[in-house]
Amino acid sequence: MASSRAVSSDRRSQVHTEVRAPMEVVVSRVVMYVFGVIEVFIGVRFVLMLLGANAEAGFVKMVYGVSGVFMAPFITIFSTQKVEGAIFEWSALVAIAVYALVAWGLTALIRAVSPRSQAQTVERVESKDDSVAQQ
C-alpha cells in the first residue's frame, strides 16, 4: 500500500485593538485630579472648622496639616468669624475658587498647546501559521 501524506494547515489570526488617549488628555486628567484632591482637603477643612471639630483629634490634625500648606497664601485675606466654637473661614472658599481657576487655566493651556483631542486607535494583527505533516 502506498504511503499517503496528509498536510494540515492551521491558520489563526487575532486582532488586538487598543484605544489610547493622547498624552495631553492624560496630563490634563492628572492636573485635574491633583487640584481636585487639594480642593477636597480644603473643603473638608472648611466643614470641620464650621462644625467646630476638635483640633486635637488625629484626623482633624491631619486635614489641617495637609490643607494648611495649600491655605498659606490665602489665610490672611479675610478675618475668620467665630460663633460658639464654629469658625467660618472665608479664605478657604477663596482658596477653593482660586485652585479651581488655576486647574482650569492649566488644562486650557495644555489643550491650546496641543489641540488634538481625539483618541488614537492602534490595531495589531497577530497571525500564526502551523503546518503539520502527517504520514
Protein backbone atom coordinates (compact mmCIF):
# COMPACT_ATOMS: atom_id res chain seq x y z
CA MET A 1 0.00 0.00 0.00
CA ALA A 2 1.32 3.39 -0.87
CA SER A 3 2.00 5.76 1.91
CA SER A 4 -0.19 8.79 1.97
CA ARG A 5 0.86 12.11 3.26
CA ALA A 6 -1.74 14.46 4.73
CA VAL A 7 -0.91 18.08 5.33
CA SER A 8 -2.91 20.01 7.87
CA SER A 9 -2.73 23.76 7.89
CA ASP A 10 -3.88 25.64 10.97
CA ARG A 11 -4.05 29.41 10.48
CA ARG A 12 -5.03 31.69 13.29
CA SER A 13 -5.07 35.43 13.41
CA GLN A 14 -6.06 37.75 16.19
CA VAL A 15 -6.68 41.46 16.02
CA HIS A 16 -5.88 43.47 19.13
CA THR A 17 -7.42 46.91 19.18
CA GLU A 18 -6.34 49.49 21.73
CA VAL A 19 -7.72 52.95 22.14
CA ARG A 20 -5.07 55.25 23.52
CA ALA A 21 -5.82 58.67 24.90
CA PRO A 22 -3.49 61.43 23.69
CA MET A 23 -0.78 62.45 26.16
CA GLU A 24 -2.38 65.89 26.52
CA VAL A 25 -5.60 64.32 27.77
CA VAL A 26 -3.70 62.20 30.29
CA VAL A 27 -1.76 65.22 31.58
CA SER A 28 -4.99 67.24 31.83
CA ARG A 29 -6.60 64.45 33.84
CA VAL A 30 -3.63 64.31 36.21
CA VAL A 31 -3.76 68.10 36.71
CA MET A 32 -7.50 67.98 37.42
CA TYR A 33 -7.03 65.06 39.82
CA VAL A 34 -4.25 66.75 41.80
CA PHE A 35 -6.13 70.03 42.09
CA GLY A 36 -9.31 68.11 42.94
CA VAL A 37 -7.55 66.42 45.86
CA ILE A 38 -6.28 69.80 47.08
CA GLU A 39 -9.78 71.26 46.87
CA VAL A 40 -11.27 68.31 48.75
CA PHE A 41 -8.80 68.78 51.60
CA ILE A 42 -9.60 72.49 51.80
CA GLY A 43 -13.33 71.74 51.63
CA VAL A 44 -13.09 69.19 54.44
CA ARG A 45 -11.08 71.72 56.47
CA PHE A 46 -13.83 74.31 55.90
CA VAL A 47 -16.56 71.92 57.07
CA LEU A 48 -14.57 70.73 60.10
CA MET A 49 -13.94 74.31 61.20
CA LEU A 50 -17.55 75.25 60.55
CA LEU A 51 -18.77 72.39 62.72
CA GLY A 52 -16.24 73.16 65.46
CA ALA A 53 -14.33 69.87 65.22
CA ASN A 54 -11.84 69.01 67.96
CA ALA A 55 -8.46 70.21 66.66
CA GLU A 56 -6.67 67.58 68.78
CA ALA A 57 -8.31 64.61 67.01
CA GLY A 58 -5.93 62.71 64.73
CA PHE A 59 -7.98 63.01 61.55
CA VAL A 60 -8.62 66.70 62.10
CA LYS A 61 -4.90 67.32 62.72
CA MET A 62 -4.04 65.53 59.50
CA VAL A 63 -6.60 67.50 57.46
CA TYR A 64 -5.47 70.82 59.00
CA GLY A 65 -1.81 69.95 58.40
CA VAL A 66 -2.22 68.96 54.75
CA SER A 67 -4.66 71.74 53.88
CA GLY A 68 -2.62 74.31 55.82
CA VAL A 69 0.15 74.07 53.25
CA PHE A 70 -2.27 74.97 50.46
CA MET A 71 -4.12 77.57 52.54
CA ALA A 72 -0.96 79.55 53.39
CA PRO A 73 -1.29 82.14 50.59
CA PHE A 74 -4.95 82.78 51.45
CA ILE A 75 -5.07 82.60 55.24
CA THR A 76 -4.86 86.35 55.88
CA ILE A 77 -7.16 87.56 53.11
CA PHE A 78 -10.22 87.71 55.37
CA SER A 79 -10.61 87.54 59.10
CA THR A 80 -12.27 84.42 60.43
CA GLN A 81 -15.66 84.70 62.03
CA LYS A 82 -16.21 82.69 65.21
CA VAL A 83 -19.58 81.82 66.68
CA GLU A 84 -19.70 79.50 69.72
CA GLY A 85 -16.72 77.35 68.65
CA ALA A 86 -17.64 77.27 64.95
CA ILE A 87 -15.31 79.08 62.58
CA PHE A 88 -16.42 80.36 59.18
CA GLU A 89 -13.24 80.62 57.15
CA TRP A 90 -13.88 82.83 54.11
CA SER A 91 -10.31 82.36 52.92
CA ALA A 92 -10.96 78.62 52.44
CA LEU A 93 -13.75 79.42 50.00
CA VAL A 94 -11.47 81.83 48.15
CA ALA A 95 -8.73 79.18 48.04
CA ILE A 96 -11.13 76.61 46.57
CA ALA A 97 -12.19 79.07 43.87
CA VAL A 98 -8.61 80.08 43.05
CA TYR A 99 -7.37 76.49 42.83
CA ALA A 100 -10.32 75.61 40.57
CA LEU A 101 -9.44 78.53 38.28
CA VAL A 102 -5.75 77.55 38.22
CA ALA A 103 -6.64 73.96 37.33
CA TRP A 104 -8.99 75.14 34.59
CA GLY A 105 -6.32 77.51 33.27
CA LEU A 106 -3.64 74.81 33.17
CA THR A 107 -5.89 72.37 31.32
CA ALA A 108 -6.92 75.10 28.88
CA LEU A 109 -3.23 75.86 28.28
CA ILE A 110 -2.47 72.19 27.68
CA ARG A 111 -5.31 71.97 25.16
CA ALA A 112 -4.20 75.18 23.44
CA VAL A 113 -0.62 73.98 23.06
CA SER A 114 -1.72 70.63 21.64
CA PRO A 115 -5.27 70.79 20.28
CA ARG A 116 -5.52 67.07 19.48
CA SER A 117 -8.50 65.79 21.47
CA GLN A 118 -9.37 62.52 19.80
CA ALA A 119 -8.21 59.14 20.94
CA GLN A 120 -5.77 57.18 18.84
CA THR A 121 -6.75 53.67 17.79
CA VAL A 122 -3.96 51.17 17.39
CA GLU A 123 -4.57 47.79 15.78
CA ARG A 124 -2.11 44.95 15.91
CA VAL A 125 -2.63 41.76 13.93
CA GLU A 126 -1.01 38.57 15.10
CA SER A 127 -1.06 35.55 12.84
CA LYS A 128 0.16 32.07 13.48
CA ASP A 129 0.72 29.56 10.67
CA ASP A 130 1.19 25.93 11.66
CA SER A 131 1.82 23.23 9.09
CA VAL A 132 1.76 19.72 10.36
CA ALA A 133 2.81 16.84 8.14
CA GLN A 134 1.29 13.52 8.99
CA GLN A 135 2.07 10.16 7.49
